[in-house]
Amino acid sequence: MPWGVCPEHGGTLKSRARATEGFDSWCTNPVCFNVWLYDRLDAACTESATHTIQADNGDRYVVCDGHALTARAQITDGQVLPGLPA
């Protein structure tokens, strides 16, 4: 995926430029204390793929836990399946 997520809570990231240099990104879930010292929101996801999104048109996408969590809440046509395609 071309954007990052919190590996535990999905699409809950915020980021900002720091006054000195670089970025900070953090999860906005109130029980999460994940913080990254780079722009994780606008960076490609580097988490391991654990799920397959099966679209109604037959397309398949492999995604990490965080992207799967977000997909379950946002997609209307398709399924989020545990595991990778055979």
N, C-alpha and C. Protein backbone atom coordinates (compact mmCIF):
# COMPACT_ATOMS: atom_id res chain seq x y z
N MET A 1 0.84 -1.18 0.00
CA MET A 1 0.00 0.00 0.00
C MET A 1 0.89 1.25 0.00
N PRO A 2 0.44 2.27 -0.69
CA PRO A 2 1.28 3.48 -0.81
C PRO A 2 1.16 4.44 0.38
N TRP A 3 0.50 4.04 1.44
CA TRP A 3 0.42 4.88 2.63
C TRP A 3 0.52 4.00 3.86
N GLY A 4 0.94 4.61 4.95
CA GLY A 4 1.14 3.85 6.18
C GLY A 4 -0.07 3.86 7.08
N VAL A 5 -0.10 2.92 8.02
CA VAL A 5 -1.15 2.82 9.03
C VAL A 5 -0.50 2.44 10.35
N CYS A 6 -1.25 2.58 11.42
CA CYS A 6 -0.80 2.00 12.69
C CYS A 6 -0.95 0.50 12.56
N PRO A 7 0.08 -0.28 12.86
CA PRO A 7 -0.02 -1.72 12.69
C PRO A 7 -1.06 -2.36 13.62
N GLU A 8 -1.44 -1.67 14.68
CA GLU A 8 -2.43 -2.21 15.63
C GLU A 8 -3.83 -1.65 15.43
N HIS A 9 -3.96 -0.42 14.90
CA HIS A 9 -5.27 0.23 14.86
C HIS A 9 -5.70 0.70 13.47
N GLY A 10 -4.88 0.49 12.48
CA GLY A 10 -5.26 0.82 11.11
C GLY A 10 -5.11 2.28 10.77
N GLY A 11 -6.10 2.83 10.10
CA GLY A 11 -6.04 4.19 9.56
C GLY A 11 -6.29 5.25 10.61
N THR A 12 -5.44 5.31 11.59
CA THR A 12 -5.61 6.24 12.72
C THR A 12 -4.43 7.19 12.86
N LEU A 13 -3.63 7.34 11.81
CA LEU A 13 -2.41 8.13 11.92
C LEU A 13 -2.63 9.62 11.67
N LYS A 14 -1.83 10.40 12.33
CA LYS A 14 -1.67 11.83 12.07
C LYS A 14 -0.17 12.07 11.94
N SER A 15 0.20 13.10 11.20
CA SER A 15 1.61 13.46 11.13
C SER A 15 1.75 14.96 11.00
N ARG A 16 2.93 15.43 11.33
CA ARG A 16 3.22 16.87 11.23
C ARG A 16 4.71 17.06 11.02
N ALA A 17 5.05 18.15 10.40
CA ALA A 17 6.47 18.51 10.25
C ALA A 17 6.96 19.06 11.58
N ARG A 18 8.15 18.63 11.98
CA ARG A 18 8.75 19.16 13.21
C ARG A 18 9.39 20.51 12.92
N ALA A 19 9.54 21.31 13.94
CA ALA A 19 10.13 22.64 13.79
C ALA A 19 11.58 22.56 13.33
N THR A 20 12.30 21.54 13.78
CA THR A 20 13.71 21.43 13.41
C THR A 20 13.84 20.75 12.05
N GLU A 21 13.72 19.44 12.01
CA GLU A 21 13.78 18.74 10.74
C GLU A 21 12.97 17.47 10.83
N GLY A 22 12.47 17.01 9.73
CA GLY A 22 11.75 15.75 9.70
C GLY A 22 10.30 15.86 10.12
N PHE A 23 9.74 14.73 10.45
CA PHE A 23 8.33 14.61 10.79
C PHE A 23 8.15 13.79 12.04
N ASP A 24 6.99 13.90 12.63
CA ASP A 24 6.51 12.98 13.66
C ASP A 24 5.19 12.42 13.15
N SER A 25 4.95 11.16 13.40
CA SER A 25 3.66 10.54 13.12
C SER A 25 3.23 9.80 14.37
N TRP A 26 1.93 9.74 14.62
CA TRP A 26 1.44 9.06 15.80
C TRP A 26 0.05 8.50 15.54
N CYS A 27 -0.29 7.49 16.34
CA CYS A 27 -1.62 6.88 16.28
C CYS A 27 -2.55 7.71 17.16
N THR A 28 -3.75 7.98 16.66
CA THR A 28 -4.71 8.79 17.42
C THR A 28 -5.63 7.95 18.30
N ASN A 29 -5.47 6.63 18.30
CA ASN A 29 -6.26 5.79 19.20
C ASN A 29 -5.83 6.12 20.63
N PRO A 30 -6.77 6.41 21.52
CA PRO A 30 -6.39 6.88 22.87
C PRO A 30 -5.65 5.86 23.72
N VAL A 31 -5.69 4.58 23.37
CA VAL A 31 -4.96 3.58 24.15
C VAL A 31 -3.62 3.21 23.51
N CYS A 32 -3.31 3.85 22.39
CA CYS A 32 -2.08 3.54 21.66
C CYS A 32 -1.03 4.61 21.91
N PHE A 33 0.18 4.17 22.10
CA PHE A 33 1.27 5.12 22.32
C PHE A 33 2.32 5.04 21.21
N ASN A 34 1.94 4.49 20.05
CA ASN A 34 2.88 4.39 18.93
C ASN A 34 3.18 5.76 18.36
N VAL A 35 4.47 6.05 18.22
CA VAL A 35 4.97 7.29 17.63
C VAL A 35 6.12 6.92 16.71
N TRP A 36 6.19 7.57 15.54
CA TRP A 36 7.27 7.34 14.60
C TRP A 36 7.91 8.69 14.29
N LEU A 37 9.22 8.71 14.16
CA LEU A 37 9.94 9.97 13.93
C LEU A 37 10.12 10.24 12.44
N TYR A 38 9.18 9.78 11.64
CA TYR A 38 9.17 10.06 10.21
C TYR A 38 7.72 10.17 9.76
N ASP A 39 7.50 10.58 8.55
CA ASP A 39 6.15 10.75 8.02
C ASP A 39 5.59 9.39 7.60
N ARG A 40 5.17 8.59 8.56
CA ARG A 40 4.65 7.25 8.29
C ARG A 40 3.35 7.31 7.50
N LEU A 41 2.56 8.34 7.70
CA LEU A 41 1.28 8.46 7.01
C LEU A 41 1.45 8.50 5.50
N ASP A 42 2.44 9.22 5.03
CA ASP A 42 2.65 9.37 3.58
C ASP A 42 3.74 8.46 3.04
N ALA A 43 4.19 7.51 3.84
CA ALA A 43 5.21 6.55 3.39
C ALA A 43 4.53 5.24 3.01
N ALA A 44 5.13 4.53 2.10
CA ALA A 44 4.60 3.21 1.73
C ALA A 44 4.64 2.29 2.94
N CYS A 45 3.65 1.43 3.05
CA CYS A 45 3.57 0.50 4.17
C CYS A 45 4.70 -0.52 4.09
N THR A 46 5.35 -0.75 5.22
CA THR A 46 6.44 -1.72 5.27
C THR A 46 6.10 -2.93 6.14
N GLU A 47 4.87 -2.99 6.64
CA GLU A 47 4.45 -4.12 7.47
C GLU A 47 4.27 -5.37 6.61
N SER A 48 4.42 -6.54 7.20
CA SER A 48 4.27 -7.80 6.47
C SER A 48 2.80 -8.04 6.11
N ALA A 49 2.58 -8.56 4.92
CA ALA A 49 1.23 -8.88 4.46
C ALA A 49 0.70 -10.09 5.23
N THR A 50 -0.54 -9.99 5.70
CA THR A 50 -1.17 -11.05 6.48
C THR A 50 -2.58 -11.38 6.01
N HIS A 51 -3.16 -10.53 5.17
CA HIS A 51 -4.54 -10.68 4.72
C HIS A 51 -4.65 -10.46 3.21
N THR A 52 -5.73 -10.97 2.65
CA THR A 52 -6.04 -10.76 1.24
C THR A 52 -7.38 -10.04 1.14
N ILE A 53 -7.39 -8.96 0.38
CA ILE A 53 -8.66 -8.29 0.08
C ILE A 53 -9.11 -8.81 -1.28
N GLN A 54 -10.29 -9.40 -1.30
CA GLN A 54 -10.86 -9.96 -2.53
C GLN A 54 -11.98 -9.02 -2.97
N ALA A 55 -11.75 -8.30 -4.06
CA ALA A 55 -12.76 -7.38 -4.60
C ALA A 55 -13.81 -8.16 -5.38
N ASP A 56 -15.00 -7.60 -5.49
CA ASP A 56 -16.08 -8.26 -6.23
C ASP A 56 -15.73 -8.50 -7.70
N ASN A 57 -14.85 -7.66 -8.27
CA ASN A 57 -14.48 -7.82 -9.68
C ASN A 57 -13.38 -8.87 -9.87
N GLY A 58 -12.94 -9.52 -8.78
CA GLY A 58 -11.93 -10.57 -8.86
C GLY A 58 -10.53 -10.13 -8.53
N ASP A 59 -10.29 -8.82 -8.45
CA ASP A 59 -8.97 -8.34 -8.07
C ASP A 59 -8.65 -8.75 -6.64
N ARG A 60 -7.36 -9.01 -6.38
CA ARG A 60 -6.90 -9.36 -5.03
C ARG A 60 -5.75 -8.45 -4.65
N TYR A 61 -5.73 -8.08 -3.38
CA TYR A 61 -4.66 -7.25 -2.84
C TYR A 61 -4.21 -7.88 -1.53
N VAL A 62 -2.91 -7.99 -1.33
CA VAL A 62 -2.41 -8.48 -0.04
C VAL A 62 -2.04 -7.27 0.81
N VAL A 63 -2.44 -7.31 2.07
CA VAL A 63 -2.25 -6.17 2.96
C VAL A 63 -1.84 -6.64 4.35
N CYS A 64 -1.36 -5.72 5.16
CA CYS A 64 -0.96 -5.99 6.55
C CYS A 64 -2.20 -5.97 7.46
N ASP A 65 -1.98 -6.27 8.73
CA ASP A 65 -3.07 -6.25 9.72
C ASP A 65 -3.76 -4.89 9.78
N GLY A 66 -2.97 -3.81 9.84
CA GLY A 66 -3.54 -2.46 9.95
C GLY A 66 -4.38 -2.08 8.75
N HIS A 67 -3.91 -2.40 7.54
CA HIS A 67 -4.70 -2.10 6.35
C HIS A 67 -5.95 -2.99 6.27
N ALA A 68 -5.84 -4.24 6.73
CA ALA A 68 -7.01 -5.14 6.75
C ALA A 68 -8.07 -4.59 7.69
N LEU A 69 -7.66 -4.12 8.85
CA LEU A 69 -8.59 -3.54 9.82
C LEU A 69 -9.33 -2.35 9.21
N THR A 70 -8.60 -1.48 8.54
CA THR A 70 -9.20 -0.32 7.91
C THR A 70 -10.12 -0.73 6.76
N ALA A 71 -9.70 -1.71 5.97
CA ALA A 71 -10.52 -2.18 4.84
C ALA A 71 -11.84 -2.75 5.33
N ARG A 72 -11.83 -3.50 6.42
CA ARG A 72 -13.08 -4.06 6.96
C ARG A 72 -14.08 -2.96 7.28
N ALA A 73 -13.60 -1.83 7.74
CA ALA A 73 -14.49 -0.73 8.11
C ALA A 73 -14.91 0.11 6.91
N GLN A 74 -14.15 0.06 5.81
CA GLN A 74 -14.41 1.00 4.72
C GLN A 74 -14.94 0.39 3.43
N ILE A 75 -14.64 -0.85 3.13
CA ILE A 75 -15.08 -1.39 1.84
C ILE A 75 -16.51 -1.91 1.94
N THR A 76 -17.22 -1.80 0.84
CA THR A 76 -18.59 -2.30 0.78
C THR A 76 -18.72 -3.44 -0.20
N ASP A 77 -17.89 -3.49 -1.22
CA ASP A 77 -17.91 -4.57 -2.21
C ASP A 77 -16.62 -5.35 -2.11
N GLY A 78 -16.68 -6.52 -1.55
CA GLY A 78 -15.49 -7.35 -1.41
C GLY A 78 -15.40 -7.93 -0.02
N GLN A 79 -14.31 -8.68 0.19
CA GLN A 79 -14.10 -9.35 1.46
C GLN A 79 -12.66 -9.17 1.89
N VAL A 80 -12.46 -9.18 3.19
CA VAL A 80 -11.11 -9.20 3.78
C VAL A 80 -10.92 -10.59 4.37
N LEU A 81 -9.97 -11.32 3.83
CA LEU A 81 -9.76 -12.71 4.22
C LEU A 81 -8.41 -12.86 4.90
N PRO A 82 -8.34 -13.62 5.99
CA PRO A 82 -7.05 -13.87 6.63
C PRO A 82 -6.19 -14.74 5.72
N GLY A 83 -4.90 -14.50 5.73
CA GLY A 83 -3.96 -15.29 4.94
C GLY A 83 -3.68 -14.68 3.58
N LEU A 84 -2.74 -15.32 2.90
CA LEU A 84 -2.31 -14.86 1.59
C LEU A 84 -2.85 -15.80 0.53
N PRO A 85 -3.03 -15.31 -0.71
CA PRO A 85 -3.55 -16.19 -1.75
C PRO A 85 -2.59 -17.34 -2.04
N ALA A 86 -3.14 -18.46 -2.44
CA ALA A 86 -2.31 -19.63 -2.74
C ALA A 86 -1.57 -19.46 -4.05
